[in-house]
Amino acid sequence: MNYMKANLKDEYLKQSVFTASPAELIVMLFDACIKNLKLADILLNEDGHVGDAGLRLTKAQEIIGELIASLNTDIPLSHQLLPIYQFLLSSIREMNLKKDLTKLPGILEILESMRDTWEQVAKTSARYNRGVGVG
């Protein structure tokens, strides 16, 4: 039964990704990054699982790397986002190397703010694409 639930969950996630707009995909990436960082905090500070925490921090680094790779350098905003993403990547990498998460609250604050901004972009784009507010 658990196997069936896992398969349904995986299928739902695949469909969500395949049908998502670019802005919605970015929101999903931020969600995954935030989730991995929070799990790393629990694993390291509450459970003492250094190795598992390191894997979560590495996953967060990979996600930030994907955000960097997804930047369209033809758009001026990308040039403003790049240094922010680079700062996040560098900070997460440092936390992972030192296994010191004292910077985590500030990093999460930045990520959550950016995630909320992209969520607004996704909602605005969806309304625009449906024709709401046009005219």
N, C-alpha and C. Protein backbone atom coordinates (compact mmCIF):
# COMPACT_ATOMS: atom_id res chain seq x y z
N MET A 1 0.82 -1.20 0.00
CA MET A 1 0.00 0.00 0.00
C MET A 1 0.86 1.26 0.00
N ASN A 2 1.93 1.29 0.82
CA ASN A 2 2.83 2.44 0.84
C ASN A 2 3.52 2.63 -0.50
N TYR A 3 3.84 1.50 -1.16
CA TYR A 3 4.46 1.56 -2.48
C TYR A 3 3.53 2.24 -3.47
N MET A 4 2.25 1.92 -3.39
CA MET A 4 1.25 2.50 -4.28
C MET A 4 1.12 4.01 -4.02
N LYS A 5 1.11 4.41 -2.76
CA LYS A 5 1.03 5.83 -2.42
C LYS A 5 2.26 6.57 -2.92
N ALA A 6 3.42 5.95 -2.78
CA ALA A 6 4.66 6.57 -3.25
C ALA A 6 4.62 6.77 -4.76
N ASN A 7 4.12 5.76 -5.48
CA ASN A 7 4.02 5.88 -6.93
C ASN A 7 3.05 6.98 -7.34
N LEU A 8 1.92 7.07 -6.65
CA LEU A 8 0.95 8.13 -6.94
C LEU A 8 1.55 9.51 -6.66
N LYS A 9 2.27 9.61 -5.57
CA LYS A 9 2.91 10.88 -5.22
C LYS A 9 3.95 11.26 -6.28
N ASP A 10 4.76 10.29 -6.70
CA ASP A 10 5.76 10.55 -7.74
C ASP A 10 5.10 10.98 -9.05
N GLU A 11 4.01 10.31 -9.40
CA GLU A 11 3.30 10.65 -10.64
C GLU A 11 2.70 12.05 -10.56
N TYR A 12 2.14 12.39 -9.41
CA TYR A 12 1.58 13.73 -9.21
C TYR A 12 2.67 14.78 -9.34
N LEU A 13 3.83 14.52 -8.74
CA LEU A 13 4.94 15.46 -8.83
C LEU A 13 5.40 15.63 -10.27
N LYS A 14 5.50 14.52 -11.01
CA LYS A 14 5.89 14.60 -12.42
C LYS A 14 4.91 15.46 -13.20
N GLN A 15 3.62 15.23 -13.00
CA GLN A 15 2.60 16.00 -13.71
C GLN A 15 2.67 17.48 -13.33
N SER A 16 2.93 17.76 -12.06
CA SER A 16 3.06 19.14 -11.61
C SER A 16 4.21 19.83 -12.32
N VAL A 17 5.32 19.13 -12.44
CA VAL A 17 6.50 19.71 -13.10
C VAL A 17 6.23 19.90 -14.59
N PHE A 18 5.63 18.90 -15.23
CA PHE A 18 5.40 18.97 -16.68
C PHE A 18 4.40 20.05 -17.06
N THR A 19 3.48 20.37 -16.16
CA THR A 19 2.44 21.36 -16.50
C THR A 19 2.72 22.73 -15.90
N ALA A 20 3.80 22.88 -15.18
CA ALA A 20 4.11 24.15 -14.51
C ALA A 20 4.69 25.17 -15.49
N SER A 21 4.39 26.42 -15.21
CA SER A 21 5.01 27.52 -15.96
C SER A 21 6.45 27.66 -15.49
N PRO A 22 7.28 28.40 -16.24
CA PRO A 22 8.65 28.62 -15.78
C PRO A 22 8.71 29.24 -14.37
N ALA A 23 7.85 30.20 -14.09
CA ALA A 23 7.85 30.82 -12.75
C ALA A 23 7.44 29.81 -11.68
N GLU A 24 6.49 28.95 -11.99
CA GLU A 24 6.07 27.91 -11.03
C GLU A 24 7.19 26.91 -10.78
N LEU A 25 7.97 26.60 -11.82
CA LEU A 25 9.12 25.70 -11.64
C LEU A 25 10.15 26.33 -10.71
N ILE A 26 10.36 27.62 -10.84
CA ILE A 26 11.31 28.31 -9.97
C ILE A 26 10.81 28.27 -8.53
N VAL A 27 9.51 28.46 -8.33
CA VAL A 27 8.94 28.36 -6.99
C VAL A 27 9.19 26.96 -6.43
N MET A 28 9.00 25.93 -7.25
CA MET A 28 9.24 24.55 -6.81
C MET A 28 10.70 24.36 -6.39
N LEU A 29 11.62 24.96 -7.15
CA LEU A 29 13.03 24.85 -6.80
C LEU A 29 13.32 25.52 -5.46
N PHE A 30 12.76 26.71 -5.27
CA PHE A 30 12.95 27.39 -3.98
C PHE A 30 12.36 26.56 -2.85
N ASP A 31 11.17 26.00 -3.06
CA ASP A 31 10.55 25.16 -2.03
C ASP A 31 11.46 23.99 -1.66
N ALA A 32 12.01 23.34 -2.67
CA ALA A 32 12.89 22.20 -2.43
C ALA A 32 14.17 22.62 -1.71
N CYS A 33 14.71 23.76 -2.08
CA CYS A 33 15.93 24.25 -1.44
C CYS A 33 15.67 24.56 0.04
N ILE A 34 14.59 25.26 0.30
CA ILE A 34 14.22 25.61 1.68
C ILE A 34 13.99 24.34 2.50
N LYS A 35 13.27 23.39 1.92
CA LYS A 35 12.99 22.13 2.62
C LYS A 35 14.29 21.41 2.97
N ASN A 36 15.22 21.34 2.02
CA ASN A 36 16.49 20.65 2.27
C ASN A 36 17.32 21.35 3.34
N LEU A 37 17.31 22.68 3.35
CA LEU A 37 18.06 23.41 4.37
C LEU A 37 17.45 23.21 5.76
N LYS A 38 16.14 23.22 5.83
CA LYS A 38 15.48 23.00 7.13
C LYS A 38 15.73 21.58 7.63
N LEU A 39 15.70 20.61 6.72
CA LEU A 39 16.00 19.23 7.10
C LEU A 39 17.45 19.10 7.56
N ALA A 40 18.36 19.79 6.88
CA ALA A 40 19.77 19.76 7.28
C ALA A 40 19.93 20.28 8.70
N ASP A 41 19.20 21.33 9.02
CA ASP A 41 19.25 21.91 10.36
C ASP A 41 18.79 20.89 11.41
N ILE A 42 17.68 20.23 11.12
CA ILE A 42 17.16 19.21 12.05
C ILE A 42 18.15 18.06 12.18
N LEU A 43 18.64 17.58 11.04
CA LEU A 43 19.55 16.44 11.06
C LEU A 43 20.84 16.75 11.81
N LEU A 44 21.36 17.95 11.62
CA LEU A 44 22.64 18.30 12.25
C LEU A 44 22.48 18.69 13.71
N ASN A 45 21.56 19.58 13.97
CA ASN A 45 21.46 20.17 15.31
C ASN A 45 20.59 19.39 16.29
N GLU A 46 19.61 18.66 15.79
CA GLU A 46 18.74 17.92 16.70
C GLU A 46 19.10 16.44 16.75
N ASP A 47 19.46 15.88 15.62
CA ASP A 47 19.71 14.44 15.56
C ASP A 47 21.20 14.08 15.52
N GLY A 48 22.06 15.05 15.21
CA GLY A 48 23.49 14.79 15.14
C GLY A 48 23.93 13.96 13.95
N HIS A 49 23.11 13.92 12.91
CA HIS A 49 23.44 13.15 11.70
C HIS A 49 24.19 14.03 10.71
N VAL A 50 25.50 14.14 10.91
CA VAL A 50 26.33 15.03 10.11
C VAL A 50 26.30 14.65 8.63
N GLY A 51 26.43 13.36 8.35
CA GLY A 51 26.46 12.91 6.95
C GLY A 51 25.17 13.20 6.21
N ASP A 52 24.04 12.90 6.85
CA ASP A 52 22.75 13.16 6.21
C ASP A 52 22.50 14.65 6.05
N ALA A 53 22.94 15.44 7.03
CA ALA A 53 22.81 16.89 6.92
C ALA A 53 23.64 17.40 5.75
N GLY A 54 24.83 16.84 5.59
CA GLY A 54 25.69 17.22 4.47
C GLY A 54 25.06 16.92 3.12
N LEU A 55 24.36 15.79 3.04
CA LEU A 55 23.66 15.45 1.79
C LEU A 55 22.57 16.46 1.48
N ARG A 56 21.84 16.89 2.50
CA ARG A 56 20.77 17.88 2.30
C ARG A 56 21.36 19.24 1.90
N LEU A 57 22.47 19.61 2.51
CA LEU A 57 23.12 20.87 2.13
C LEU A 57 23.65 20.80 0.70
N THR A 58 24.19 19.64 0.32
CA THR A 58 24.66 19.45 -1.05
C THR A 58 23.50 19.56 -2.03
N LYS A 59 22.36 18.98 -1.68
CA LYS A 59 21.17 19.08 -2.54
C LYS A 59 20.75 20.54 -2.69
N ALA A 60 20.79 21.30 -1.59
CA ALA A 60 20.44 22.73 -1.66
C ALA A 60 21.42 23.47 -2.58
N GLN A 61 22.70 23.12 -2.50
CA GLN A 61 23.69 23.72 -3.40
C GLN A 61 23.36 23.41 -4.85
N GLU A 62 23.00 22.17 -5.13
CA GLU A 62 22.65 21.77 -6.50
C GLU A 62 21.45 22.55 -7.00
N ILE A 63 20.49 22.78 -6.14
CA ILE A 63 19.29 23.53 -6.54
C ILE A 63 19.65 24.97 -6.87
N ILE A 64 20.48 25.60 -6.05
CA ILE A 64 20.92 26.96 -6.35
C ILE A 64 21.71 26.96 -7.67
N GLY A 65 22.50 25.93 -7.88
CA GLY A 65 23.21 25.80 -9.16
C GLY A 65 22.25 25.74 -10.34
N GLU A 66 21.14 25.04 -10.17
CA GLU A 66 20.12 24.98 -11.23
C GLU A 66 19.48 26.34 -11.46
N LEU A 67 19.25 27.08 -10.38
CA LEU A 67 18.69 28.43 -10.53
C LEU A 67 19.66 29.32 -11.31
N ILE A 68 20.95 29.19 -11.02
CA ILE A 68 21.96 29.96 -11.75
C ILE A 68 21.95 29.55 -13.22
N ALA A 69 21.92 28.25 -13.47
CA ALA A 69 21.95 27.75 -14.85
C ALA A 69 20.71 28.16 -15.64
N SER A 70 19.60 28.40 -14.93
CA SER A 70 18.35 28.74 -15.62
C SER A 70 18.25 30.22 -15.97
N LEU A 71 19.19 31.03 -15.49
CA LEU A 71 19.12 32.46 -15.77
C LEU A 71 19.29 32.73 -17.26
N ASN A 72 18.43 33.58 -17.79
CA ASN A 72 18.52 34.02 -19.18
C ASN A 72 19.29 35.33 -19.19
N THR A 73 20.53 35.28 -19.64
CA THR A 73 21.39 36.46 -19.58
C THR A 73 20.96 37.57 -20.53
N ASP A 74 19.98 37.30 -21.39
CA ASP A 74 19.44 38.35 -22.25
C ASP A 74 18.49 39.28 -21.49
N ILE A 75 18.08 38.85 -20.31
CA ILE A 75 17.15 39.64 -19.50
C ILE A 75 17.95 40.37 -18.42
N PRO A 76 17.82 41.70 -18.35
CA PRO A 76 18.61 42.47 -17.37
C PRO A 76 18.45 41.99 -15.92
N LEU A 77 17.27 41.53 -15.54
CA LEU A 77 17.06 41.06 -14.17
C LEU A 77 18.01 39.93 -13.81
N SER A 78 18.38 39.12 -14.78
CA SER A 78 19.29 38.01 -14.53
C SER A 78 20.62 38.49 -13.97
N HIS A 79 21.06 39.65 -14.43
CA HIS A 79 22.34 40.19 -13.97
C HIS A 79 22.25 40.67 -12.52
N GLN A 80 21.03 40.95 -12.05
CA GLN A 80 20.83 41.32 -10.65
C GLN A 80 20.65 40.07 -9.78
N LEU A 81 20.06 39.03 -10.34
CA LEU A 81 19.84 37.80 -9.59
C LEU A 81 21.12 36.99 -9.41
N LEU A 82 22.00 37.03 -10.41
CA LEU A 82 23.21 36.20 -10.36
C LEU A 82 24.03 36.41 -9.09
N PRO A 83 24.36 37.64 -8.70
CA PRO A 83 25.17 37.79 -7.48
C PRO A 83 24.43 37.31 -6.21
N ILE A 84 23.13 37.42 -6.20
CA ILE A 84 22.35 36.92 -5.05
C ILE A 84 22.45 35.40 -5.00
N TYR A 85 22.23 34.75 -6.14
CA TYR A 85 22.34 33.29 -6.20
C TYR A 85 23.76 32.84 -5.85
N GLN A 86 24.77 33.58 -6.33
CA GLN A 86 26.15 33.21 -6.02
C GLN A 86 26.43 33.34 -4.53
N PHE A 87 25.89 34.39 -3.91
CA PHE A 87 26.04 34.55 -2.46
C PHE A 87 25.39 33.38 -1.72
N LEU A 88 24.19 33.01 -2.14
CA LEU A 88 23.49 31.89 -1.50
C LEU A 88 24.29 30.60 -1.65
N LEU A 89 24.78 30.36 -2.86
CA LEU A 89 25.55 29.15 -3.12
C LEU A 89 26.81 29.12 -2.27
N SER A 90 27.52 30.23 -2.22
CA SER A 90 28.74 30.31 -1.42
C SER A 90 28.45 30.10 0.06
N SER A 91 27.39 30.70 0.55
CA SER A 91 27.03 30.57 1.97
C SER A 91 26.65 29.14 2.32
N ILE A 92 25.87 28.49 1.46
CA ILE A 92 25.46 27.11 1.72
C ILE A 92 26.67 26.19 1.65
N ARG A 93 27.55 26.45 0.68
CA ARG A 93 28.77 25.64 0.55
C ARG A 93 29.62 25.77 1.82
N GLU A 94 29.76 27.00 2.33
CA GLU A 94 30.54 27.22 3.55
C GLU A 94 29.90 26.51 4.75
N MET A 95 28.57 26.60 4.86
CA MET A 95 27.88 25.91 5.95
C MET A 95 28.12 24.41 5.87
N ASN A 96 28.11 23.89 4.65
CA ASN A 96 28.31 22.45 4.45
C ASN A 96 29.72 22.05 4.84
N LEU A 97 30.70 22.82 4.41
CA LEU A 97 32.10 22.48 4.71
C LEU A 97 32.39 22.54 6.20
N LYS A 98 31.86 23.57 6.86
CA LYS A 98 32.14 23.77 8.28
C LYS A 98 31.15 23.05 9.19
N LYS A 99 30.06 22.56 8.60
CA LYS A 99 28.97 21.96 9.39
C LYS A 99 28.53 22.93 10.49
N ASP A 100 28.44 24.19 10.10
CA ASP A 100 28.05 25.28 11.00
C ASP A 100 26.90 26.03 10.34
N LEU A 101 25.73 25.94 10.94
CA LEU A 101 24.54 26.53 10.33
C LEU A 101 24.12 27.85 10.98
N THR A 102 25.07 28.58 11.55
CA THR A 102 24.70 29.85 12.19
C THR A 102 24.18 30.87 11.19
N LYS A 103 24.57 30.75 9.93
CA LYS A 103 24.09 31.68 8.89
C LYS A 103 22.73 31.27 8.33
N LEU A 104 22.25 30.10 8.72
CA LEU A 104 21.03 29.55 8.12
C LEU A 104 19.81 30.45 8.24
N PRO A 105 19.52 31.06 9.38
CA PRO A 105 18.32 31.91 9.45
C PRO A 105 18.32 33.04 8.40
N GLY A 106 19.46 33.68 8.20
CA GLY A 106 19.54 34.74 7.20
C GLY A 106 19.39 34.21 5.79
N ILE A 107 19.98 33.05 5.52
CA ILE A 107 19.87 32.43 4.20
C ILE A 107 18.42 32.03 3.93
N LEU A 108 17.77 31.45 4.93
CA LEU A 108 16.36 31.07 4.76
C LEU A 108 15.48 32.30 4.54
N GLU A 109 15.79 33.39 5.21
CA GLU A 109 15.01 34.62 5.03
C GLU A 109 15.12 35.11 3.59
N ILE A 110 16.31 35.09 3.03
CA ILE A 110 16.50 35.50 1.63
C ILE A 110 15.74 34.55 0.70
N LEU A 111 15.92 33.25 0.90
CA LEU A 111 15.27 32.26 0.04
C LEU A 111 13.75 32.37 0.11
N GLU A 112 13.21 32.53 1.31
CA GLU A 112 11.75 32.61 1.45
C GLU A 112 11.21 33.89 0.81
N SER A 113 11.94 34.98 0.92
CA SER A 113 11.53 36.23 0.29
C SER A 113 11.54 36.09 -1.24
N MET A 114 12.60 35.48 -1.76
CA MET A 114 12.68 35.28 -3.21
C MET A 114 11.60 34.31 -3.68
N ARG A 115 11.36 33.27 -2.91
CA ARG A 115 10.31 32.30 -3.25
C ARG A 115 8.95 32.99 -3.31
N ASP A 116 8.66 33.84 -2.32
CA ASP A 116 7.38 34.55 -2.30
C ASP A 116 7.25 35.49 -3.50
N THR A 117 8.34 36.13 -3.87
CA THR A 117 8.33 37.01 -5.04
C THR A 117 8.03 36.23 -6.30
N TRP A 118 8.69 35.09 -6.48
CA TRP A 118 8.44 34.26 -7.66
C TRP A 118 7.03 33.70 -7.66
N GLU A 119 6.49 33.42 -6.49
CA GLU A 119 5.11 32.94 -6.42
C GLU A 119 4.16 34.03 -6.92
N GLN A 120 4.42 35.28 -6.56
CA GLN A 120 3.60 36.39 -7.05
C GLN A 120 3.73 36.53 -8.57
N VAL A 121 4.95 36.36 -9.08
CA VAL A 121 5.16 36.40 -10.53
C VAL A 121 4.35 35.30 -11.20
N ALA A 122 4.37 34.10 -10.63
CA ALA A 122 3.62 32.98 -11.20
C ALA A 122 2.12 33.26 -11.21
N LYS A 123 1.62 33.82 -10.11
CA LYS A 123 0.18 34.13 -10.03
C LYS A 123 -0.19 35.22 -11.02
N THR A 124 0.64 36.25 -11.11
CA THR A 124 0.37 37.35 -12.05
C THR A 124 0.40 36.84 -13.49
N SER A 125 1.38 36.00 -13.79
CA SER A 125 1.48 35.44 -15.14
C SER A 125 0.27 34.59 -15.47
N ALA A 126 -0.19 33.81 -14.50
CA ALA A 126 -1.36 32.95 -14.73
C ALA A 126 -2.59 33.79 -15.00
N ARG A 127 -2.78 34.87 -14.22
CA ARG A 127 -3.93 35.75 -14.44
C ARG A 127 -3.83 36.41 -15.81
N TYR A 128 -2.65 36.86 -16.16
CA TYR A 128 -2.45 37.52 -17.45
C TYR A 128 -2.73 36.55 -18.60
N ASN A 129 -2.25 35.33 -18.46
CA ASN A 129 -2.45 34.33 -19.51
C ASN A 129 -3.91 33.92 -19.65
N ARG A 130 -4.69 34.05 -18.56
CA ARG A 130 -6.12 33.74 -18.64
C ARG A 130 -6.91 34.95 -19.12
N GLY A 131 -6.26 36.09 -19.22
CA GLY A 131 -6.94 37.29 -19.69
C GLY A 131 -7.57 38.12 -18.60
N VAL A 132 -7.32 37.78 -17.33
CA VAL A 132 -7.88 38.54 -16.22
C VAL A 132 -7.09 39.84 -16.08
N GLY A 133 -7.81 40.93 -16.00
CA GLY A 133 -7.15 42.22 -15.80
C GLY A 133 -6.57 42.81 -17.07
N VAL A 134 -6.84 42.19 -18.20
CA VAL A 134 -6.33 42.71 -19.46
C VAL A 134 -7.40 43.57 -20.10
N GLY A 135 -6.99 44.72 -20.61
CA GLY A 135 -7.96 45.53 -21.33
C GLY A 135 -8.18 46.80 -20.76
